[in-house]
N, C-alpha and C. Protein backbone atom coordinates (compact mmCIF):
# COMPACT_ATOMS: atom_id res chain seq x y z
N MET A 1 97.64 69.18 99.62
CA MET A 1 96.84 70.31 98.85
C MET A 1 97.94 71.02 98.30
N SER A 2 97.55 71.58 96.90
CA SER A 2 98.37 72.45 96.30
C SER A 2 97.90 73.95 96.45
N LEU A 3 96.92 74.24 97.07
CA LEU A 3 96.61 75.65 97.42
C LEU A 3 96.61 76.04 98.75
N VAL A 4 97.12 76.89 99.27
CA VAL A 4 97.31 77.41 100.55
C VAL A 4 95.82 77.80 101.15
N LEU A 5 95.20 78.84 100.22
CA LEU A 5 93.94 79.16 100.68
C LEU A 5 92.88 78.12 101.11
N ASP A 6 92.32 78.44 102.28
CA ASP A 6 91.32 77.60 102.92
C ASP A 6 89.94 77.29 101.74
N PRO A 7 89.85 75.86 101.47
CA PRO A 7 88.89 75.45 100.57
C PRO A 7 87.52 76.38 100.61
N ALA A 8 87.03 76.43 101.99
CA ALA A 8 85.74 77.58 101.93
C ALA A 8 85.95 78.67 101.33
N ALA A 9 87.10 79.43 101.37
CA ALA A 9 87.66 80.93 100.74
C ALA A 9 87.91 80.67 99.20
N GLN A 10 88.15 79.63 98.88
CA GLN A 10 88.45 79.11 97.32
C GLN A 10 86.89 79.16 96.61
N ASP A 11 86.11 78.44 97.59
CA ASP A 11 84.58 78.37 97.10
C ASP A 11 83.95 79.84 97.01
N LEU A 12 84.19 80.64 97.87
CA LEU A 12 83.50 81.87 98.17
C LEU A 12 84.04 82.85 97.04
N LEU A 13 85.34 82.68 96.81
CA LEU A 13 85.84 83.65 95.83
C LEU A 13 85.91 83.21 94.21
N PHE A 14 85.74 81.67 93.93
CA PHE A 14 85.82 81.27 92.68
C PHE A 14 84.84 80.04 92.37
N ARG A 15 84.88 79.02 93.03
CA ARG A 15 84.17 77.88 92.64
C ARG A 15 82.56 77.87 92.78
N GLU A 16 82.12 78.48 93.70
CA GLU A 16 80.80 78.94 94.14
C GLU A 16 80.30 80.28 93.55
N ALA A 17 81.06 81.22 93.56
CA ALA A 17 80.91 82.48 93.12
C ALA A 17 80.37 82.69 91.59
N ARG A 18 79.47 83.23 91.49
CA ARG A 18 78.86 83.70 90.03
C ARG A 18 78.21 85.00 89.96
N THR A 19 77.93 85.17 88.47
CA THR A 19 77.46 86.66 88.22
C THR A 19 76.26 86.75 88.89
N ALA A 20 75.99 87.73 89.74
CA ALA A 20 74.44 87.56 90.27
C ALA A 20 73.61 88.50 89.59
N ASN A 21 72.34 88.06 89.08
CA ASN A 21 71.40 88.93 88.44
C ASN A 21 70.41 89.53 89.29
N ALA A 22 70.42 89.10 90.40
CA ALA A 22 69.10 89.39 91.46
C ALA A 22 69.71 89.74 92.89
N PHE A 23 69.02 90.42 93.44
CA PHE A 23 69.88 91.02 95.01
C PHE A 23 68.52 91.17 96.07
N THR A 24 68.95 90.95 97.31
CA THR A 24 68.05 91.37 98.11
C THR A 24 68.21 92.86 98.32
N ASP A 25 67.29 93.46 98.96
CA ASP A 25 67.24 95.04 99.20
C ASP A 25 68.36 95.57 100.35
N GLU A 26 69.10 94.53 101.00
CA GLU A 26 70.00 94.86 101.92
C GLU A 26 71.00 96.12 101.25
N PRO A 27 71.24 97.11 102.26
CA PRO A 27 72.14 97.86 101.50
C PRO A 27 73.56 97.47 101.49
N VAL A 28 74.19 98.21 100.70
CA VAL A 28 75.59 98.02 100.64
C VAL A 28 76.44 99.44 101.20
N THR A 29 77.17 99.38 102.19
CA THR A 29 77.44 100.58 102.68
C THR A 29 78.97 101.15 102.29
N ASP A 30 78.96 102.58 102.68
CA ASP A 30 80.44 102.97 102.12
C ASP A 30 81.72 102.12 102.78
N GLU A 31 81.32 101.79 104.07
CA GLU A 31 82.47 101.09 104.54
C GLU A 31 82.70 99.81 104.10
N GLN A 32 81.75 98.88 103.55
CA GLN A 32 81.99 97.66 103.09
C GLN A 32 82.66 97.95 101.67
N VAL A 33 82.48 99.16 100.95
CA VAL A 33 83.00 99.59 99.56
C VAL A 33 84.46 99.86 99.95
N GLN A 34 84.77 100.65 100.97
CA GLN A 34 86.15 101.02 101.35
C GLN A 34 86.94 99.75 101.61
N ALA A 35 86.19 98.92 102.47
CA ALA A 35 87.06 97.52 102.94
C ALA A 35 87.46 96.95 101.71
N ILE A 36 86.69 96.92 100.75
CA ILE A 36 86.82 96.08 99.52
C ILE A 36 87.99 96.70 98.65
N TYR A 37 88.18 98.07 98.62
CA TYR A 37 88.95 98.80 98.02
C TYR A 37 90.32 98.69 98.89
N ASP A 38 90.32 98.82 100.11
CA ASP A 38 91.60 98.64 101.13
C ASP A 38 92.09 97.34 100.68
N LEU A 39 91.51 96.38 100.36
CA LEU A 39 91.87 95.10 100.09
C LEU A 39 92.71 94.91 98.81
N VAL A 40 91.80 95.01 97.83
CA VAL A 40 91.95 94.85 96.47
C VAL A 40 93.19 95.87 95.55
N LYS A 41 93.47 97.06 96.57
CA LYS A 41 94.42 97.80 95.82
C LYS A 41 95.99 97.61 95.87
N TYR A 42 96.25 96.20 96.66
CA TYR A 42 97.42 95.63 96.65
C TYR A 42 97.79 94.83 95.46
N GLY A 43 96.69 94.43 94.68
CA GLY A 43 96.95 93.96 93.43
C GLY A 43 97.37 94.40 92.58
N PRO A 44 98.54 93.66 91.75
CA PRO A 44 99.55 93.92 90.97
C PRO A 44 98.98 94.64 89.50
N THR A 45 99.84 95.68 89.29
CA THR A 45 99.93 96.33 87.85
C THR A 45 101.19 96.60 87.55
N ALA A 46 101.29 96.83 86.26
CA ALA A 46 102.45 97.51 85.67
C ALA A 46 102.87 98.88 85.96
N PHE A 47 103.90 98.94 86.71
CA PHE A 47 104.66 100.20 87.00
C PHE A 47 103.89 100.57 88.56
N ASN A 48 102.94 99.52 88.91
CA ASN A 48 102.24 100.11 90.21
C ASN A 48 101.21 101.16 89.68
N GLN A 49 100.89 100.91 88.21
CA GLN A 49 99.68 101.93 88.10
C GLN A 49 98.30 101.62 88.72
N THR A 50 97.57 102.66 89.04
CA THR A 50 96.18 102.70 89.65
C THR A 50 95.29 103.49 88.57
N PRO A 51 95.16 102.89 87.57
CA PRO A 51 94.08 103.68 86.73
C PRO A 51 92.75 103.63 87.10
N LEU A 52 92.23 102.51 87.87
CA LEU A 52 90.91 102.17 87.89
C LEU A 52 90.41 103.35 88.59
N ARG A 53 89.16 103.69 88.32
CA ARG A 53 88.32 104.82 89.07
C ARG A 53 86.86 104.07 89.20
N ILE A 54 86.40 104.36 90.24
CA ILE A 54 84.99 103.64 90.73
C ILE A 54 84.10 104.84 91.01
N THR A 55 82.91 104.66 90.29
CA THR A 55 82.14 105.78 90.52
C THR A 55 80.76 105.10 90.96
N LEU A 56 80.22 105.48 92.43
CA LEU A 56 79.47 104.54 92.93
C LEU A 56 78.03 105.59 92.50
N VAL A 57 76.94 104.59 92.27
CA VAL A 57 75.79 105.51 91.67
C VAL A 57 74.82 104.84 92.92
N ARG A 58 74.70 105.85 93.50
CA ARG A 58 73.60 105.60 94.83
C ARG A 58 72.28 106.75 94.89
N SER A 59 72.23 107.64 94.23
CA SER A 59 71.07 108.37 94.25
C SER A 59 70.06 108.00 93.27
N PRO A 60 68.73 108.04 93.47
CA PRO A 60 67.71 107.49 92.59
C PRO A 60 67.74 108.21 91.20
N GLU A 61 68.00 109.67 91.23
CA GLU A 61 68.33 110.49 90.12
C GLU A 61 69.38 109.91 89.20
N ALA A 62 70.68 109.55 89.73
CA ALA A 62 71.96 109.22 89.09
C ALA A 62 71.57 107.77 88.56
N ARG A 63 70.81 107.09 89.37
CA ARG A 63 70.57 105.44 88.71
C ARG A 63 69.78 105.48 87.84
N GLU A 64 68.53 106.49 87.61
CA GLU A 64 67.74 106.73 86.66
C GLU A 64 68.41 107.15 85.22
N ARG A 65 69.56 108.22 85.45
CA ARG A 65 70.30 108.24 84.42
C ARG A 65 71.28 107.39 83.97
N LEU A 66 71.56 106.17 84.78
CA LEU A 66 72.50 105.19 84.30
C LEU A 66 71.40 103.96 83.61
N VAL A 67 70.49 104.01 84.19
CA VAL A 67 69.72 102.64 83.72
C VAL A 67 69.34 103.10 82.00
N LYS A 68 69.25 104.29 81.62
CA LYS A 68 68.49 104.70 80.47
C LYS A 68 69.88 104.04 79.26
N HIS A 69 71.05 104.19 79.92
CA HIS A 69 72.12 103.91 79.09
C HIS A 69 72.52 102.34 78.90
N MET A 70 71.90 101.59 79.83
CA MET A 70 72.18 100.10 80.05
C MET A 70 71.36 99.31 78.80
N ALA A 71 71.78 98.02 78.32
CA ALA A 71 71.12 97.49 77.31
C ALA A 71 69.95 96.93 78.07
N GLU A 72 68.76 96.77 77.20
CA GLU A 72 67.45 96.29 77.72
C GLU A 72 67.53 95.25 78.75
N GLY A 73 68.16 94.21 78.52
CA GLY A 73 68.58 93.00 79.32
C GLY A 73 69.03 93.41 80.76
N ASN A 74 69.61 94.36 80.84
CA ASN A 74 70.43 95.10 81.84
C ASN A 74 69.78 95.99 82.70
N GLN A 75 68.64 96.41 82.28
CA GLN A 75 68.12 97.75 82.93
C GLN A 75 67.60 97.41 84.47
N ALA A 76 66.39 96.23 84.32
CA ALA A 76 65.70 95.95 85.28
C ALA A 76 66.64 95.63 86.66
N LYS A 77 67.94 94.85 86.33
CA LYS A 77 68.53 94.31 87.49
C LYS A 77 69.42 95.63 87.94
N THR A 78 69.83 96.51 87.22
CA THR A 78 70.64 97.48 87.38
C THR A 78 69.47 98.52 88.17
N ALA A 79 68.55 98.80 87.86
CA ALA A 79 67.65 99.58 88.80
C ALA A 79 67.20 99.11 89.73
N ALA A 80 67.40 97.83 90.52
CA ALA A 80 66.84 97.20 91.54
C ALA A 80 68.40 96.79 92.52
N ALA A 81 69.37 96.86 91.82
CA ALA A 81 70.66 96.50 92.82
C ALA A 81 70.66 97.54 93.77
N PRO A 82 70.95 97.02 95.19
CA PRO A 82 71.50 97.91 96.40
C PRO A 82 72.48 99.00 95.84
N LEU A 83 73.46 98.66 95.14
CA LEU A 83 74.52 99.54 94.78
C LEU A 83 75.05 99.02 93.51
N VAL A 84 75.32 100.47 92.46
CA VAL A 84 75.74 100.02 91.14
C VAL A 84 77.20 100.89 91.31
N ALA A 85 78.35 100.20 90.69
CA ALA A 85 79.60 101.01 90.15
C ALA A 85 79.83 100.96 88.82
N ILE A 86 80.17 102.36 88.75
CA ILE A 86 80.72 102.31 87.30
C ILE A 86 82.38 102.37 87.26
N LEU A 87 82.82 101.54 86.85
CA LEU A 87 84.41 101.12 86.84
C LEU A 87 85.19 101.79 85.39
N SER A 88 86.14 102.48 85.59
CA SER A 88 86.45 103.25 84.35
C SER A 88 87.97 103.36 84.54
N ALA A 89 88.73 103.71 83.44
CA ALA A 89 90.11 104.11 83.39
C ALA A 89 90.22 105.27 83.49
N ASP A 90 91.32 105.51 84.00
CA ASP A 90 91.74 107.19 84.14
C ASP A 90 92.83 107.20 83.10
N ASN A 91 92.82 107.79 82.06
CA ASN A 91 93.91 107.62 80.86
C ASN A 91 94.96 108.85 81.19
N GLU A 92 94.89 109.40 82.15
CA GLU A 92 95.86 110.35 83.01
C GLU A 92 96.64 109.97 84.17
N PHE A 93 96.49 108.49 84.42
CA PHE A 93 97.05 107.76 85.58
C PHE A 93 98.40 108.31 85.80
N HIS A 94 99.19 108.58 84.78
CA HIS A 94 100.59 108.81 84.49
C HIS A 94 101.10 109.73 85.79
N GLU A 95 100.20 110.85 85.86
CA GLU A 95 100.19 111.87 86.76
C GLU A 95 100.97 111.46 88.14
N GLU A 96 100.44 110.23 88.63
CA GLU A 96 100.45 109.62 89.93
C GLU A 96 101.60 108.97 89.93
N LEU A 97 102.28 108.70 88.92
CA LEU A 97 103.29 107.47 88.89
C LEU A 97 104.63 107.77 89.78
N PRO A 98 105.11 109.26 89.57
CA PRO A 98 106.44 109.69 90.55
C PRO A 98 106.12 109.23 91.93
N ALA A 99 104.78 109.20 92.57
CA ALA A 99 104.48 108.95 93.84
C ALA A 99 104.16 107.32 94.19
N LEU A 100 103.60 106.71 92.96
CA LEU A 100 103.38 105.49 93.23
C LEU A 100 104.53 104.39 92.65
N PHE A 101 105.54 104.80 91.81
CA PHE A 101 106.36 104.13 91.61
C PHE A 101 107.74 104.83 91.76
N PRO A 102 108.03 104.88 93.09
CA PRO A 102 109.29 105.81 93.54
C PRO A 102 110.64 105.13 92.95
N ALA A 103 110.62 103.84 92.62
CA ALA A 103 111.94 103.29 92.04
C ALA A 103 112.40 103.91 90.90
N PHE A 104 111.16 104.42 90.06
CA PHE A 104 111.62 104.86 88.72
C PHE A 104 110.56 106.13 88.34
N PRO A 105 110.54 107.17 88.89
CA PRO A 105 109.64 108.03 88.71
C PRO A 105 109.48 108.83 87.39
N GLN A 106 110.56 108.50 86.54
CA GLN A 106 110.62 109.02 85.44
C GLN A 106 109.87 108.22 84.24
N ALA A 107 109.47 107.31 84.76
CA ALA A 107 108.11 106.30 83.84
C ALA A 107 107.21 107.22 83.62
N LYS A 108 106.99 108.21 84.05
CA LYS A 108 105.62 109.08 83.74
C LYS A 108 106.20 109.48 82.32
N ASP A 109 107.24 110.28 82.20
CA ASP A 109 107.65 110.63 80.71
C ASP A 109 108.19 109.56 79.88
N VAL A 110 108.80 108.58 80.32
CA VAL A 110 109.99 107.94 79.51
C VAL A 110 108.87 106.83 78.95
N PHE A 111 107.64 106.14 79.57
CA PHE A 111 106.72 105.56 79.04
C PHE A 111 105.53 106.05 78.74
N PHE A 112 104.75 106.98 79.11
CA PHE A 112 103.40 107.21 79.03
C PHE A 112 103.29 108.88 78.58
N ALA A 113 104.41 109.52 77.81
CA ALA A 113 103.96 110.76 77.28
C ALA A 113 103.11 110.85 76.37
N GLU A 114 102.93 109.69 75.55
CA GLU A 114 101.86 109.72 74.43
C GLU A 114 100.64 109.22 75.19
N ARG A 115 99.30 109.80 74.59
CA ARG A 115 98.10 109.60 74.85
C ARG A 115 97.73 107.97 74.51
N PRO A 116 98.17 107.65 73.21
CA PRO A 116 97.54 106.49 72.73
C PRO A 116 98.25 105.24 73.89
N VAL A 117 99.56 105.63 74.07
CA VAL A 117 100.25 104.58 74.99
C VAL A 117 99.59 104.55 76.31
N ARG A 118 99.07 105.80 76.76
CA ARG A 118 98.52 105.71 78.10
C ARG A 118 97.03 105.18 78.31
N GLU A 119 96.30 105.38 76.95
CA GLU A 119 95.08 104.78 77.01
C GLU A 119 95.05 102.97 76.99
N GLY A 120 96.01 102.70 76.09
CA GLY A 120 96.23 101.17 76.18
C GLY A 120 96.84 100.69 77.64
N SER A 121 97.68 101.09 78.36
CA SER A 121 98.11 100.76 79.43
C SER A 121 97.17 101.12 80.28
N ALA A 122 96.43 102.30 80.53
CA ALA A 122 95.16 102.59 81.38
C ALA A 122 94.24 101.35 81.20
N ALA A 123 93.89 100.74 80.01
CA ALA A 123 92.71 100.12 79.90
C ALA A 123 92.98 98.69 80.32
N MET A 124 94.26 98.16 80.13
CA MET A 124 94.87 96.80 80.61
C MET A 124 95.06 96.87 81.99
N ASN A 125 95.47 97.56 82.61
CA ASN A 125 95.53 97.59 83.98
C ASN A 125 94.48 97.82 84.80
N ALA A 126 93.57 98.85 84.31
CA ALA A 126 92.21 99.14 84.79
C ALA A 126 91.51 97.96 84.86
N ALA A 127 91.54 97.00 83.66
CA ALA A 127 90.62 95.78 83.76
C ALA A 127 91.18 94.78 84.63
N LEU A 128 92.64 94.67 84.99
CA LEU A 128 93.14 94.03 86.12
C LEU A 128 92.72 94.35 87.39
N GLN A 129 92.32 95.47 87.55
CA GLN A 129 92.04 95.95 88.90
C GLN A 129 90.66 95.88 89.06
N ALA A 130 89.77 95.89 88.07
CA ALA A 130 88.29 95.68 88.07
C ALA A 130 88.07 94.27 88.49
N ALA A 131 89.24 93.13 87.85
CA ALA A 131 88.93 91.85 88.16
C ALA A 131 88.95 91.84 89.70
N TYR A 132 90.42 92.27 90.35
CA TYR A 132 90.57 92.47 91.76
C TYR A 132 89.22 92.94 92.34
N PHE A 133 88.62 93.86 91.96
CA PHE A 133 87.43 94.53 92.58
C PHE A 133 86.32 93.49 92.71
N ILE A 134 86.35 92.90 91.55
CA ILE A 134 85.01 91.67 91.62
C ILE A 134 85.39 90.48 92.56
N VAL A 135 86.80 90.19 92.77
CA VAL A 135 86.68 89.10 93.88
C VAL A 135 86.78 89.80 95.38
N GLY A 136 87.29 91.16 95.36
CA GLY A 136 87.02 91.90 96.73
C GLY A 136 85.57 91.83 96.97
N VAL A 137 84.69 92.27 96.15
CA VAL A 137 83.26 92.21 96.40
C VAL A 137 82.87 90.74 96.96
N ARG A 138 83.46 89.76 96.25
CA ARG A 138 83.18 88.24 96.87
C ARG A 138 83.73 88.05 98.22
N ALA A 139 84.85 88.60 98.30
CA ALA A 139 85.45 88.44 99.82
C ALA A 139 84.89 89.16 100.90
N ALA A 140 84.08 90.20 100.47
CA ALA A 140 83.12 90.89 101.67
C ALA A 140 82.01 90.04 101.70
N GLY A 141 81.61 89.04 101.02
CA GLY A 141 80.37 88.02 101.29
C GLY A 141 79.41 88.79 100.47
N LEU A 142 79.68 89.40 99.49
CA LEU A 142 78.52 90.07 98.47
C LEU A 142 78.63 89.47 97.27
N ALA A 143 77.87 89.83 96.44
CA ALA A 143 77.67 89.36 94.95
C ALA A 143 77.80 90.39 93.79
N ALA A 144 78.54 89.99 92.66
CA ALA A 144 78.78 91.10 91.77
C ALA A 144 78.14 90.72 90.83
N GLY A 145 77.48 91.60 89.99
CA GLY A 145 77.08 91.41 88.46
C GLY A 145 77.79 92.21 87.53
N PRO A 146 78.89 91.94 87.01
CA PRO A 146 79.59 92.79 86.22
C PRO A 146 79.09 92.66 84.89
N MET A 147 78.79 93.89 84.12
CA MET A 147 78.38 94.00 82.74
C MET A 147 78.91 94.90 81.86
N THR A 148 79.18 94.59 80.60
CA THR A 148 79.37 95.53 79.74
C THR A 148 78.45 95.68 78.46
N GLY A 149 77.11 95.27 78.80
CA GLY A 149 76.09 95.74 77.78
C GLY A 149 75.49 96.88 78.15
N PHE A 150 76.08 97.82 77.54
CA PHE A 150 75.62 99.32 77.91
C PHE A 150 76.21 100.44 76.62
N ASP A 151 75.74 101.72 76.75
CA ASP A 151 76.08 102.36 75.99
C ASP A 151 77.35 103.25 76.24
N PHE A 152 78.59 102.94 75.85
CA PHE A 152 79.67 103.34 76.64
C PHE A 152 79.90 104.69 76.52
N GLU A 153 79.63 105.21 75.47
CA GLU A 153 79.92 106.66 75.14
C GLU A 153 78.76 107.48 75.92
N GLY A 154 77.44 107.02 76.00
CA GLY A 154 76.49 107.53 77.03
C GLY A 154 76.98 107.94 78.48
N VAL A 155 77.37 106.52 78.70
CA VAL A 155 77.96 106.53 80.39
C VAL A 155 79.09 107.34 80.38
N ARG A 156 79.99 107.12 79.44
CA ARG A 156 81.14 108.50 79.46
C ARG A 156 80.51 109.79 79.80
N LYS A 157 79.71 110.23 78.79
CA LYS A 157 79.07 111.70 78.80
C LYS A 157 78.33 111.91 79.93
N GLU A 158 77.66 110.82 80.62
CA GLU A 158 76.63 111.16 81.52
C GLU A 158 77.58 111.33 82.90
N PHE A 159 78.44 110.57 82.93
CA PHE A 159 79.05 110.41 84.46
C PHE A 159 80.73 110.65 84.67
N LEU A 160 81.35 110.71 83.44
CA LEU A 160 82.78 110.86 83.44
C LEU A 160 83.16 112.00 82.68
N ASP A 161 84.33 111.97 82.14
CA ASP A 161 84.86 112.98 81.16
C ASP A 161 85.59 112.37 80.09
N ASP A 162 86.36 113.36 79.23
CA ASP A 162 87.21 112.88 78.17
C ASP A 162 88.45 112.09 78.56
N ASP A 163 88.84 112.29 80.02
CA ASP A 163 89.92 111.22 80.35
C ASP A 163 89.76 110.12 81.15
N HIS A 164 88.42 109.99 81.02
CA HIS A 164 87.92 108.37 81.60
C HIS A 164 87.38 107.65 80.66
N THR A 165 87.66 106.26 80.60
CA THR A 165 87.04 105.47 79.62
C THR A 165 86.41 104.28 80.54
N PRO A 166 85.00 104.32 80.26
CA PRO A 166 84.17 103.28 80.93
C PRO A 166 84.49 101.77 80.48
N LEU A 167 84.78 100.94 81.68
CA LEU A 167 85.09 99.73 81.31
C LEU A 167 83.86 98.70 81.86
N MET A 168 83.24 98.62 82.57
CA MET A 168 82.17 98.00 82.94
C MET A 168 81.25 98.63 84.00
N VAL A 169 80.02 98.45 84.29
CA VAL A 169 79.21 98.51 85.54
C VAL A 169 78.90 97.53 86.06
N VAL A 170 79.09 97.33 87.44
CA VAL A 170 78.94 96.17 88.37
C VAL A 170 77.81 96.54 89.24
N ASN A 171 76.62 95.66 89.33
CA ASN A 171 75.72 95.53 90.15
C ASN A 171 76.18 94.90 91.59
N ILE A 172 76.16 95.43 92.51
CA ILE A 172 76.63 94.71 93.89
C ILE A 172 75.79 94.68 95.07
N GLY A 173 75.61 93.65 95.64
CA GLY A 173 74.91 93.39 97.04
C GLY A 173 74.69 91.79 97.39
N ARG A 174 73.91 91.59 98.16
CA ARG A 174 73.33 90.16 98.79
C ARG A 174 72.66 89.49 97.85
N PRO A 175 73.18 88.18 97.09
CA PRO A 175 72.12 87.75 96.07
C PRO A 175 70.94 87.70 96.71
N GLY A 176 69.71 87.74 95.89
CA GLY A 176 68.43 87.11 96.06
C GLY A 176 68.13 85.94 95.85
N PRO A 177 66.89 85.57 96.03
CA PRO A 177 66.20 84.45 95.13
C PRO A 177 66.48 84.32 93.77
N ASP A 178 67.18 83.11 93.34
CA ASP A 178 66.96 82.89 91.79
C ASP A 178 68.15 84.07 90.99
N ALA A 179 69.11 84.30 91.99
CA ALA A 179 70.13 85.19 91.66
C ALA A 179 71.09 84.64 90.53
N TRP A 180 71.36 83.09 90.42
CA TRP A 180 72.09 82.77 89.07
C TRP A 180 71.71 82.16 88.39
N TYR A 181 72.40 82.22 87.22
CA TYR A 181 72.10 81.24 86.03
C TYR A 181 72.98 80.05 86.26
N PRO A 182 72.56 78.89 85.72
CA PRO A 182 73.27 77.85 85.64
C PRO A 182 74.85 78.12 85.47
N ARG A 183 75.54 77.27 86.01
CA ARG A 183 77.10 77.45 86.01
C ARG A 183 77.46 77.06 84.47
N SER A 184 78.13 77.73 83.65
CA SER A 184 78.54 77.57 82.47
C SER A 184 79.58 76.78 82.68
N PRO A 185 79.85 76.14 81.22
CA PRO A 185 81.17 75.12 81.40
C PRO A 185 82.49 76.14 81.34
N ARG A 186 83.69 75.56 81.65
CA ARG A 186 85.01 76.06 81.67
C ARG A 186 85.69 75.21 80.88
N LEU A 187 86.97 75.71 80.45
CA LEU A 187 87.76 74.96 79.69
C LEU A 187 88.72 74.17 80.71
N ALA A 188 89.21 73.06 80.04
CA ALA A 188 89.78 72.00 81.11
C ALA A 188 91.51 72.58 81.16
N TYR A 189 92.41 72.36 82.09
CA TYR A 189 93.53 72.66 81.95
C TYR A 189 94.22 72.45 80.73
N ASP A 190 94.23 71.01 80.50
CA ASP A 190 94.98 70.70 79.02
C ASP A 190 94.54 71.69 77.71
N ASP A 191 93.41 72.36 77.93
CA ASP A 191 92.93 73.14 76.84
C ASP A 191 93.26 74.52 76.57
N VAL A 192 93.95 74.94 77.77
CA VAL A 192 94.31 76.36 78.14
C VAL A 192 96.22 76.30 78.23
N VAL A 193 96.65 75.35 78.93
CA VAL A 193 98.19 75.38 79.41
C VAL A 193 98.98 74.58 78.62
N THR A 194 99.88 75.16 77.83
CA THR A 194 101.10 74.72 77.13
C THR A 194 102.38 75.12 77.59
N THR A 195 103.33 73.71 77.87
CA THR A 195 104.35 74.09 78.09
C THR A 195 105.43 73.82 76.85
N VAL A 196 106.63 74.75 77.08
CA VAL A 196 107.49 74.84 76.18
C VAL A 196 108.91 74.71 76.40
């Protein structure tokens, strides 16, 4: 076999996992979220950047404030999910680089002095971390429902600040009945991989 990871784990993380659209009412605890983060924080990023920020939307008031910014088709499932996380990119991530990348602490000023450069790097590396986060949710035996169908500027103003760019909203919980849409097709290896 070409993969070292146990086939059951492969299924849990990839083959059988899908975007969940319905959840049970079983709560998602802070301990579960911390365990997810403590696993996925090791995923690689450029210069060991850690621009991902996670805002957990737990209170009914905060949930109501979020739901009004979601696209119509995402409102009901966001209102009903046991936990919702707003994933954003911190555009001032470079301030942490001297501690996070001690091999070259000058990277903060050499590469990331300009805000547009930071925003591009933050978006790319936070998106990597967001993907790790979704796989981490699956590793915890939970399901994720990541969405980009929302008013980005409205969510930024409601929950973040000018230094944070929202990336996605993720519903999290145990999948409920009829949680999945049918599996959509995927491209074949030969459609994606080219050798030069």
